[in-house]
């Protein structure tokens, strides 16, 4: 099972960064997809990654 996570983090200058993380629970493989201060961009990257995962699952 794959988990996609958007996590808000407050930066030193008070801004909010959104970290999009991909985590494959089965293999315990985890990596950062993107880090951005734009929530719309973070959601878009999460959506693109999710759509790619669905393509992989349906092609098996």
N, C-alpha and C. Protein backbone atom coordinates (compact mmCIF):
# COMPACT_ATOMS: atom_id res chain seq x y z
N UNK A 1 0.84 -1.17 0.00
CA UNK A 1 0.00 0.00 0.00
C UNK A 1 0.89 1.24 0.00
N UNK A 2 0.46 2.23 -0.75
CA UNK A 2 1.19 3.48 -0.86
C UNK A 2 0.43 4.58 -0.13
N UNK A 3 1.16 5.42 0.57
CA UNK A 3 0.57 6.59 1.23
C UNK A 3 1.19 7.84 0.62
N UNK A 4 0.34 8.81 0.32
CA UNK A 4 0.79 10.12 -0.13
C UNK A 4 0.35 11.12 0.93
N UNK A 5 1.29 11.92 1.38
CA UNK A 5 1.05 12.80 2.53
C UNK A 5 1.43 14.23 2.17
N UNK A 6 0.57 15.19 2.55
CA UNK A 6 0.93 16.61 2.50
C UNK A 6 1.06 17.06 3.95
N UNK A 7 2.24 17.55 4.28
CA UNK A 7 2.52 17.96 5.66
C UNK A 7 2.93 19.43 5.68
N UNK A 8 2.20 20.27 6.41
CA UNK A 8 2.61 21.67 6.53
C UNK A 8 3.70 21.82 7.58
N UNK A 9 4.69 22.63 7.26
CA UNK A 9 5.78 22.91 8.21
C UNK A 9 6.02 24.41 8.22
N UNK A 10 6.20 24.96 9.40
CA UNK A 10 6.51 26.37 9.54
C UNK A 10 8.01 26.57 9.39
N UNK A 11 8.40 27.49 8.50
CA UNK A 11 9.82 27.75 8.29
C UNK A 11 10.34 28.75 9.32
N UNK A 12 11.64 28.96 9.33
CA UNK A 12 12.25 29.89 10.28
C UNK A 12 11.74 31.32 10.12
N UNK A 13 11.40 31.69 8.88
CA UNK A 13 10.92 33.06 8.64
C UNK A 13 9.41 33.19 8.79
N UNK A 14 8.74 32.15 9.31
CA UNK A 14 7.31 32.22 9.58
C UNK A 14 6.42 31.78 8.44
N UNK A 15 6.98 31.46 7.29
CA UNK A 15 6.20 30.98 6.15
C UNK A 15 5.80 29.52 6.39
N UNK A 16 4.83 29.06 5.61
CA UNK A 16 4.42 27.66 5.67
C UNK A 16 4.88 26.97 4.40
N UNK A 17 5.63 25.89 4.56
CA UNK A 17 6.01 25.02 3.45
C UNK A 17 5.16 23.77 3.51
N UNK A 18 4.78 23.27 2.34
CA UNK A 18 4.02 22.04 2.24
C UNK A 18 4.94 20.97 1.66
N UNK A 19 5.10 19.88 2.39
CA UNK A 19 5.98 18.79 1.97
C UNK A 19 5.09 17.63 1.52
N UNK A 20 5.26 17.23 0.26
CA UNK A 20 4.52 16.09 -0.28
C UNK A 20 5.44 14.88 -0.21
N UNK A 21 5.00 13.86 0.50
CA UNK A 21 5.82 12.67 0.73
C UNK A 21 5.11 11.43 0.18
N UNK A 22 5.91 10.57 -0.45
CA UNK A 22 5.46 9.26 -0.96
C UNK A 22 6.02 8.21 -0.01
N UNK A 23 5.15 7.33 0.48
CA UNK A 23 5.60 6.28 1.39
C UNK A 23 4.98 4.95 0.97
N UNK A 24 5.83 4.02 0.56
CA UNK A 24 5.39 2.66 0.24
C UNK A 24 5.51 1.85 1.52
N UNK A 25 4.37 1.55 2.12
CA UNK A 25 4.34 0.87 3.41
C UNK A 25 4.93 -0.54 3.30
N UNK A 26 4.65 -1.21 2.20
CA UNK A 26 5.10 -2.60 2.02
C UNK A 26 6.63 -2.71 2.07
N UNK A 27 7.33 -1.80 1.39
CA UNK A 27 8.79 -1.85 1.34
C UNK A 27 9.45 -0.86 2.29
N UNK A 28 8.64 -0.05 2.96
CA UNK A 28 9.11 1.01 3.85
C UNK A 28 10.02 2.00 3.11
N UNK A 29 9.72 2.20 1.83
CA UNK A 29 10.44 3.17 1.01
C UNK A 29 9.71 4.51 1.09
N UNK A 30 10.44 5.57 1.40
CA UNK A 30 9.82 6.89 1.54
C UNK A 30 10.72 7.94 0.90
N UNK A 31 10.09 8.87 0.17
CA UNK A 31 10.85 9.98 -0.39
C UNK A 31 9.95 11.20 -0.54
N UNK A 32 10.59 12.37 -0.59
CA UNK A 32 9.88 13.62 -0.76
C UNK A 32 9.62 13.86 -2.24
N UNK A 33 8.35 14.08 -2.59
CA UNK A 33 7.97 14.38 -3.97
C UNK A 33 8.31 15.84 -4.27
N UNK A 34 7.89 16.74 -3.38
CA UNK A 34 8.17 18.16 -3.56
C UNK A 34 8.02 18.89 -2.23
N UNK A 35 8.65 20.03 -2.14
CA UNK A 35 8.47 20.96 -1.03
C UNK A 35 8.20 22.32 -1.64
N UNK A 36 7.08 22.93 -1.26
CA UNK A 36 6.68 24.21 -1.83
C UNK A 36 5.91 25.02 -0.80
N UNK A 37 5.87 26.33 -1.00
CA UNK A 37 5.07 27.17 -0.12
C UNK A 37 3.70 27.47 -0.73
N UNK A 38 3.39 26.83 -1.86
CA UNK A 38 2.12 27.01 -2.55
C UNK A 38 1.27 25.75 -2.37
N UNK A 39 0.18 25.86 -1.61
CA UNK A 39 -0.67 24.71 -1.34
C UNK A 39 -1.25 24.12 -2.62
N UNK A 40 -1.63 24.96 -3.57
CA UNK A 40 -2.19 24.47 -4.83
C UNK A 40 -1.18 23.61 -5.59
N UNK A 41 0.07 24.03 -5.59
CA UNK A 41 1.12 23.25 -6.24
C UNK A 41 1.33 21.91 -5.53
N UNK A 42 1.30 21.93 -4.21
CA UNK A 42 1.47 20.70 -3.44
C UNK A 42 0.34 19.72 -3.74
N UNK A 43 -0.88 20.22 -3.80
CA UNK A 43 -2.03 19.36 -4.09
C UNK A 43 -1.93 18.82 -5.52
N UNK A 44 -1.50 19.64 -6.46
CA UNK A 44 -1.35 19.20 -7.85
C UNK A 44 -0.31 18.09 -7.96
N UNK A 45 0.82 18.24 -7.30
CA UNK A 45 1.87 17.20 -7.34
C UNK A 45 1.38 15.92 -6.69
N UNK A 46 0.63 16.03 -5.58
CA UNK A 46 0.08 14.86 -4.94
C UNK A 46 -0.89 14.16 -5.89
N UNK A 47 -1.73 14.93 -6.57
CA UNK A 47 -2.70 14.38 -7.51
C UNK A 47 -1.99 13.66 -8.67
N UNK A 48 -0.95 14.27 -9.22
CA UNK A 48 -0.21 13.66 -10.33
C UNK A 48 0.43 12.35 -9.89
N UNK A 49 1.00 12.34 -8.70
CA UNK A 49 1.64 11.13 -8.19
C UNK A 49 0.60 10.04 -7.96
N UNK A 50 -0.54 10.40 -7.42
CA UNK A 50 -1.63 9.45 -7.19
C UNK A 50 -2.12 8.86 -8.51
N UNK A 51 -2.31 9.70 -9.52
CA UNK A 51 -2.76 9.22 -10.82
C UNK A 51 -1.75 8.25 -11.44
N UNK A 52 -0.46 8.52 -11.27
CA UNK A 52 0.57 7.62 -11.77
C UNK A 52 0.54 6.28 -11.03
N UNK A 53 0.30 6.30 -9.73
CA UNK A 53 0.21 5.07 -8.96
C UNK A 53 -0.99 4.24 -9.42
N UNK A 54 -2.09 4.90 -9.72
CA UNK A 54 -3.29 4.20 -10.20
C UNK A 54 -3.01 3.54 -11.55
N UNK A 55 -2.29 4.23 -12.43
CA UNK A 55 -1.93 3.65 -13.73
C UNK A 55 -1.09 2.39 -13.54
N UNK A 56 -0.15 2.44 -12.61
CA UNK A 56 0.70 1.28 -12.35
C UNK A 56 -0.15 0.11 -11.82
N UNK A 57 -1.04 0.40 -10.90
CA UNK A 57 -1.87 -0.65 -10.32
C UNK A 57 -2.80 -1.28 -11.35
N UNK A 58 -3.36 -0.48 -12.23
CA UNK A 58 -4.30 -1.02 -13.21
C UNK A 58 -3.60 -1.73 -14.36
N UNK A 59 -2.31 -1.49 -14.54
CA UNK A 59 -1.58 -2.16 -15.61
C UNK A 59 -1.07 -3.53 -15.18
N UNK A 60 -1.14 -3.84 -13.91
CA UNK A 60 -0.64 -5.13 -13.40
C UNK A 60 -1.66 -6.22 -13.60
